[in-house]
């Protein structure tokens, strides 16, 4: 059974307590997803996913006909990845953190009104 879909009219007519809860959830989920994606980029830059990405790339090249096969060793792959780290993803932490802080503010308002 699916939950009922909410419309803007229902949100506006909902009690203030329910509005704070909805807004807290609405900001928390995208904020956490954004921060966690930033964490994946950090882990990837540190080499935590090198083995997985090497094996997936190798499997794709082996399974798909017509794809040029590279005879690259794992050490060469890791050195190449280290020479070109990902940059410019710090905004994910600031945007996600801002969304999480807004969510916390609405959660505080929810619990103050709830008593």
N, C-alpha and C. Protein backbone atom coordinates (compact mmCIF):
# COMPACT_ATOMS: atom_id res chain seq x y z
N UNK A 1 0.84 -1.17 0.00
CA UNK A 1 0.00 0.00 0.00
C UNK A 1 0.89 1.24 0.00
N UNK A 2 0.63 2.15 -0.91
CA UNK A 2 1.43 3.36 -1.03
C UNK A 2 0.91 4.44 -0.10
N UNK A 3 1.84 5.25 0.46
CA UNK A 3 1.38 6.37 1.29
C UNK A 3 0.67 7.40 0.42
N UNK A 4 -0.26 8.11 0.98
CA UNK A 4 -0.98 9.11 0.18
C UNK A 4 -0.03 10.22 -0.26
N UNK A 5 -0.22 10.71 -1.48
CA UNK A 5 0.61 11.79 -1.99
C UNK A 5 0.13 13.10 -1.38
N UNK A 6 1.10 13.91 -1.01
CA UNK A 6 0.78 15.20 -0.41
C UNK A 6 0.85 16.29 -1.48
N UNK A 7 -0.04 17.23 -1.38
CA UNK A 7 -0.02 18.36 -2.29
C UNK A 7 0.34 19.60 -1.48
N UNK A 8 0.62 20.67 -2.18
CA UNK A 8 0.96 21.92 -1.51
C UNK A 8 -0.19 22.40 -0.64
N UNK A 9 -1.40 22.22 -1.12
CA UNK A 9 -2.56 22.64 -0.35
C UNK A 9 -2.65 21.87 0.96
N UNK A 10 -2.36 20.57 0.91
CA UNK A 10 -2.37 19.77 2.14
C UNK A 10 -1.26 20.19 3.09
N UNK A 11 -0.10 20.55 2.55
CA UNK A 11 0.99 20.99 3.40
C UNK A 11 0.63 22.29 4.12
N UNK A 12 0.07 23.23 3.39
CA UNK A 12 -0.28 24.52 3.97
C UNK A 12 -1.38 24.36 5.02
N UNK A 13 -2.34 23.48 4.77
CA UNK A 13 -3.44 23.30 5.72
C UNK A 13 -3.08 22.36 6.88
N UNK A 14 -1.91 21.72 6.82
CA UNK A 14 -1.50 20.81 7.90
C UNK A 14 -1.14 21.62 9.14
N UNK A 15 -1.23 21.01 10.30
CA UNK A 15 -0.84 21.71 11.52
C UNK A 15 0.65 22.05 11.49
N UNK A 16 1.02 23.09 12.23
CA UNK A 16 2.40 23.57 12.25
C UNK A 16 3.37 22.45 12.65
N UNK A 17 2.98 21.61 13.58
CA UNK A 17 3.82 20.50 14.03
C UNK A 17 4.13 19.56 12.87
N UNK A 18 3.13 19.23 12.10
CA UNK A 18 3.31 18.34 10.94
C UNK A 18 4.16 19.01 9.87
N UNK A 19 4.00 20.32 9.68
CA UNK A 19 4.81 21.04 8.70
C UNK A 19 6.30 20.99 9.07
N UNK A 20 6.61 21.17 10.35
CA UNK A 20 8.01 21.11 10.78
C UNK A 20 8.59 19.72 10.56
N UNK A 21 7.81 18.68 10.81
CA UNK A 21 8.29 17.32 10.61
C UNK A 21 8.56 17.05 9.13
N UNK A 22 7.66 17.48 8.28
CA UNK A 22 7.82 17.28 6.83
C UNK A 22 9.04 18.04 6.33
N UNK A 23 9.19 19.28 6.77
CA UNK A 23 10.34 20.08 6.32
C UNK A 23 11.66 19.50 6.83
N UNK A 24 11.66 18.99 8.05
CA UNK A 24 12.88 18.37 8.58
C UNK A 24 13.28 17.17 7.73
N UNK A 25 12.32 16.31 7.42
CA UNK A 25 12.61 15.15 6.57
C UNK A 25 13.04 15.57 5.17
N UNK A 26 12.38 16.60 4.64
CA UNK A 26 12.65 17.04 3.28
C UNK A 26 14.07 17.59 3.13
N UNK A 27 14.62 18.19 4.17
CA UNK A 27 15.98 18.71 4.09
C UNK A 27 17.02 17.68 4.51
N UNK A 28 16.67 16.77 5.41
CA UNK A 28 17.64 15.81 5.92
C UNK A 28 18.07 14.79 4.87
N UNK A 29 17.14 14.24 4.14
CA UNK A 29 17.47 13.16 3.21
C UNK A 29 18.40 13.64 2.09
N UNK A 30 18.11 14.73 1.37
CA UNK A 30 19.07 15.18 0.35
C UNK A 30 20.39 15.64 0.95
N UNK A 31 20.35 16.21 2.16
CA UNK A 31 21.58 16.64 2.81
C UNK A 31 22.50 15.47 3.11
N UNK A 32 21.93 14.40 3.67
CA UNK A 32 22.73 13.21 3.97
C UNK A 32 23.25 12.55 2.70
N UNK A 33 22.43 12.46 1.68
CA UNK A 33 22.87 11.85 0.42
C UNK A 33 24.03 12.65 -0.17
N UNK A 34 23.93 13.97 -0.14
CA UNK A 34 24.98 14.81 -0.69
C UNK A 34 26.29 14.66 0.09
N UNK A 35 26.21 14.66 1.41
CA UNK A 35 27.42 14.48 2.23
C UNK A 35 28.02 13.10 2.00
N UNK A 36 27.20 12.07 1.92
CA UNK A 36 27.71 10.72 1.71
C UNK A 36 28.34 10.54 0.33
N UNK A 37 27.83 11.22 -0.68
CA UNK A 37 28.47 11.19 -2.00
C UNK A 37 29.83 11.86 -1.92
N UNK A 38 29.93 12.96 -1.18
CA UNK A 38 31.23 13.59 -0.96
C UNK A 38 32.20 12.65 -0.26
N UNK A 39 31.70 11.88 0.71
CA UNK A 39 32.54 10.90 1.40
C UNK A 39 33.03 9.82 0.44
N UNK A 40 32.18 9.40 -0.50
CA UNK A 40 32.61 8.43 -1.50
C UNK A 40 33.73 8.98 -2.37
N UNK A 41 33.67 10.27 -2.71
CA UNK A 41 34.74 10.88 -3.48
C UNK A 41 36.05 10.90 -2.68
N UNK A 42 35.97 11.19 -1.40
CA UNK A 42 37.17 11.18 -0.55
C UNK A 42 37.75 9.77 -0.49
N UNK A 43 36.91 8.78 -0.28
CA UNK A 43 37.36 7.39 -0.21
C UNK A 43 37.99 6.98 -1.54
N UNK A 44 37.39 7.39 -2.63
CA UNK A 44 37.93 7.07 -3.95
C UNK A 44 39.29 7.72 -4.16
N UNK A 45 39.43 8.96 -3.73
CA UNK A 45 40.72 9.65 -3.87
C UNK A 45 41.82 8.99 -3.05
N UNK A 46 41.46 8.43 -1.93
CA UNK A 46 42.45 7.78 -1.06
C UNK A 46 42.77 6.36 -1.51
N UNK A 47 42.09 5.86 -2.54
CA UNK A 47 42.41 4.54 -3.08
C UNK A 47 41.53 3.42 -2.57
N UNK A 48 40.50 3.74 -1.84
CA UNK A 48 39.64 2.71 -1.27
C UNK A 48 38.83 1.93 -2.28
N UNK A 49 38.63 2.49 -3.46
CA UNK A 49 37.81 1.82 -4.47
C UNK A 49 38.62 1.45 -5.72
N UNK A 50 39.96 1.54 -5.64
CA UNK A 50 40.79 1.26 -6.81
C UNK A 50 40.65 -0.18 -7.29
N UNK A 51 40.65 -1.12 -6.38
CA UNK A 51 40.54 -2.52 -6.77
C UNK A 51 39.22 -2.82 -7.46
N UNK A 52 38.15 -2.27 -6.91
CA UNK A 52 36.83 -2.51 -7.49
C UNK A 52 36.73 -1.88 -8.89
N UNK A 53 37.18 -0.64 -9.02
CA UNK A 53 37.09 0.02 -10.32
C UNK A 53 38.00 -0.64 -11.35
N UNK A 54 39.16 -1.13 -10.93
CA UNK A 54 40.05 -1.84 -11.86
C UNK A 54 39.39 -3.12 -12.37
N UNK A 55 38.80 -3.88 -11.46
CA UNK A 55 38.19 -5.15 -11.85
C UNK A 55 36.93 -4.94 -12.70
N UNK A 56 36.11 -3.94 -12.37
CA UNK A 56 34.91 -3.68 -13.17
C UNK A 56 35.30 -3.24 -14.58
N UNK A 57 36.28 -2.35 -14.68
CA UNK A 57 36.73 -1.91 -16.00
C UNK A 57 37.29 -3.05 -16.82
N UNK A 58 38.04 -3.92 -16.17
CA UNK A 58 38.61 -5.07 -16.86
C UNK A 58 37.50 -6.04 -17.31
N UNK A 59 36.52 -6.27 -16.45
CA UNK A 59 35.41 -7.16 -16.81
C UNK A 59 34.61 -6.59 -17.97
N UNK A 60 34.37 -5.29 -17.98
CA UNK A 60 33.62 -4.67 -19.07
C UNK A 60 34.39 -4.83 -20.38
N UNK A 61 35.69 -4.59 -20.34
CA UNK A 61 36.49 -4.73 -21.56
C UNK A 61 36.53 -6.18 -22.05
N UNK A 62 36.45 -7.13 -21.13
CA UNK A 62 36.48 -8.55 -21.54
C UNK A 62 35.13 -9.01 -22.09
N UNK A 63 34.03 -8.48 -21.57
CA UNK A 63 32.71 -8.98 -21.93
C UNK A 63 32.10 -8.31 -23.15
N UNK A 64 32.47 -7.07 -23.42
CA UNK A 64 31.87 -6.35 -24.53
C UNK A 64 32.77 -6.49 -25.76
N UNK A 65 32.23 -7.08 -26.82
CA UNK A 65 33.06 -7.23 -28.02
C UNK A 65 33.29 -5.89 -28.70
N UNK A 66 34.46 -5.75 -29.28
CA UNK A 66 34.79 -4.53 -30.01
C UNK A 66 35.44 -3.47 -29.16
N UNK A 67 35.50 -3.66 -27.84
CA UNK A 67 36.15 -2.69 -26.97
C UNK A 67 37.63 -3.01 -26.95
N UNK A 68 38.45 -1.99 -27.17
CA UNK A 68 39.90 -2.19 -27.21
C UNK A 68 40.38 -2.65 -25.83
N UNK A 69 41.12 -3.74 -25.82
CA UNK A 69 41.62 -4.30 -24.57
C UNK A 69 42.96 -3.67 -24.23
N UNK A 70 43.10 -3.23 -22.98
CA UNK A 70 44.37 -2.70 -22.50
C UNK A 70 45.00 -3.75 -21.60
N UNK A 71 46.26 -3.97 -21.78
CA UNK A 71 46.98 -4.88 -20.90
C UNK A 71 47.68 -4.05 -19.83
N UNK A 72 46.88 -3.49 -18.95
CA UNK A 72 47.40 -2.62 -17.90
C UNK A 72 47.46 -3.41 -16.59
N UNK A 73 48.57 -3.32 -15.94
CA UNK A 73 48.74 -3.98 -14.64
C UNK A 73 48.07 -3.12 -13.57
N UNK A 74 47.75 -3.75 -12.45
CA UNK A 74 47.08 -3.05 -11.35
C UNK A 74 47.95 -1.92 -10.81
N UNK A 75 49.24 -2.15 -10.68
CA UNK A 75 50.15 -1.12 -10.17
C UNK A 75 50.16 0.10 -11.09
N UNK A 76 50.17 -0.13 -12.39
CA UNK A 76 50.13 0.99 -13.34
C UNK A 76 48.81 1.75 -13.23
N UNK A 77 47.74 1.00 -13.05
CA UNK A 77 46.42 1.62 -12.90
C UNK A 77 46.38 2.52 -11.66
N UNK A 78 46.90 2.01 -10.54
CA UNK A 78 46.90 2.78 -9.29
C UNK A 78 47.78 4.02 -9.42
N UNK A 79 48.94 3.89 -10.06
CA UNK A 79 49.82 5.06 -10.25
C UNK A 79 49.15 6.11 -11.12
N UNK A 80 48.44 5.66 -12.16
CA UNK A 80 47.72 6.59 -13.02
C UNK A 80 46.61 7.30 -12.25
N UNK A 81 45.88 6.56 -11.41
CA UNK A 81 44.81 7.16 -10.60
C UNK A 81 45.39 8.17 -9.61
N UNK A 82 46.54 7.85 -9.02
CA UNK A 82 47.16 8.75 -8.04
C UNK A 82 47.65 10.05 -8.70
N UNK A 83 48.02 9.98 -9.96
CA UNK A 83 48.52 11.17 -10.64
C UNK A 83 47.38 12.12 -11.03
N UNK A 84 46.15 11.61 -11.09
CA UNK A 84 44.99 12.43 -11.47
C UNK A 84 43.89 12.33 -10.41
N UNK A 85 44.10 12.89 -9.21
CA UNK A 85 43.04 12.79 -8.20
C UNK A 85 41.85 13.70 -8.56
N UNK A 86 40.68 13.32 -8.05
CA UNK A 86 39.48 14.15 -8.24
C UNK A 86 39.61 15.42 -7.42
N UNK A 87 39.21 16.52 -8.00
CA UNK A 87 39.26 17.81 -7.30
C UNK A 87 37.93 18.53 -7.49
N UNK A 88 37.67 19.47 -6.60
CA UNK A 88 36.50 20.32 -6.78
C UNK A 88 35.19 19.72 -6.31
N UNK A 89 35.23 18.88 -5.30
CA UNK A 89 33.98 18.31 -4.80
C UNK A 89 33.69 18.76 -3.37
N UNK A 90 34.42 19.74 -2.87
CA UNK A 90 34.19 20.25 -1.52
C UNK A 90 32.82 20.89 -1.34
N UNK A 91 32.26 21.37 -2.44
CA UNK A 91 30.93 21.98 -2.36
C UNK A 91 29.88 20.98 -1.89
N UNK A 92 30.10 19.69 -2.13
CA UNK A 92 29.14 18.69 -1.69
C UNK A 92 28.99 18.71 -0.17
N UNK A 93 30.10 18.90 0.54
CA UNK A 93 30.05 18.94 2.00
C UNK A 93 29.37 20.21 2.50
N UNK A 94 29.64 21.33 1.85
CA UNK A 94 29.01 22.58 2.32
C UNK A 94 27.51 22.60 2.02
N UNK A 95 27.12 22.15 0.84
CA UNK A 95 25.70 22.12 0.50
C UNK A 95 24.96 21.09 1.35
N UNK A 96 25.51 19.89 1.45
CA UNK A 96 24.88 18.85 2.26
C UNK A 96 24.83 19.22 3.73
N UNK A 97 25.92 19.83 4.23
CA UNK A 97 25.93 20.28 5.63
C UNK A 97 24.90 21.35 5.89
N UNK A 98 24.74 22.28 4.95
CA UNK A 98 23.73 23.33 5.09
C UNK A 98 22.33 22.73 5.15
N UNK A 99 22.05 21.78 4.27
CA UNK A 99 20.75 21.12 4.29
C UNK A 99 20.53 20.39 5.62
N UNK A 100 21.56 19.74 6.14
CA UNK A 100 21.42 19.02 7.42
C UNK A 100 21.17 20.00 8.56
N UNK A 101 21.85 21.14 8.55
CA UNK A 101 21.64 22.15 9.60
C UNK A 101 20.21 22.68 9.54
N UNK A 102 19.72 22.96 8.34
CA UNK A 102 18.33 23.42 8.20
C UNK A 102 17.37 22.36 8.74
N UNK A 103 17.66 21.10 8.45
CA UNK A 103 16.83 20.01 8.96
C UNK A 103 16.84 19.97 10.48
N UNK A 104 17.99 20.17 11.07
CA UNK A 104 18.10 20.16 12.53
C UNK A 104 17.30 21.32 13.13
N UNK A 105 17.34 22.48 12.47
CA UNK A 105 16.55 23.62 12.96
C UNK A 105 15.07 23.28 12.97
N UNK A 106 14.58 22.67 11.88
CA UNK A 106 13.16 22.29 11.85
C UNK A 106 12.85 21.20 12.87
N UNK A 107 13.81 20.32 13.13
CA UNK A 107 13.59 19.28 14.14
C UNK A 107 13.51 19.89 15.54
N UNK A 108 14.35 20.89 15.80
CA UNK A 108 14.30 21.58 17.09
C UNK A 108 12.95 22.28 17.25
N UNK A 109 12.51 22.96 16.20
CA UNK A 109 11.20 23.63 16.25
C UNK A 109 10.08 22.62 16.46
N UNK A 110 10.19 21.45 15.82
CA UNK A 110 9.19 20.39 15.99
C UNK A 110 9.11 19.96 17.45
N UNK A 111 10.27 19.69 18.07
CA UNK A 111 10.27 19.21 19.46
C UNK A 111 9.89 20.32 20.45
N UNK A 112 10.18 21.57 20.14
CA UNK A 112 9.75 22.66 21.01
C UNK A 112 8.23 22.80 20.99
N UNK A 113 7.65 22.67 19.80
CA UNK A 113 6.20 22.80 19.68
C UNK A 113 5.50 21.56 20.26
N UNK A 114 6.14 20.42 20.12
CA UNK A 114 5.54 19.18 20.62
C UNK A 114 5.53 19.14 22.14
N UNK A 115 6.55 19.74 22.73
CA UNK A 115 6.57 19.84 24.19
C UNK A 115 7.24 18.76 24.85
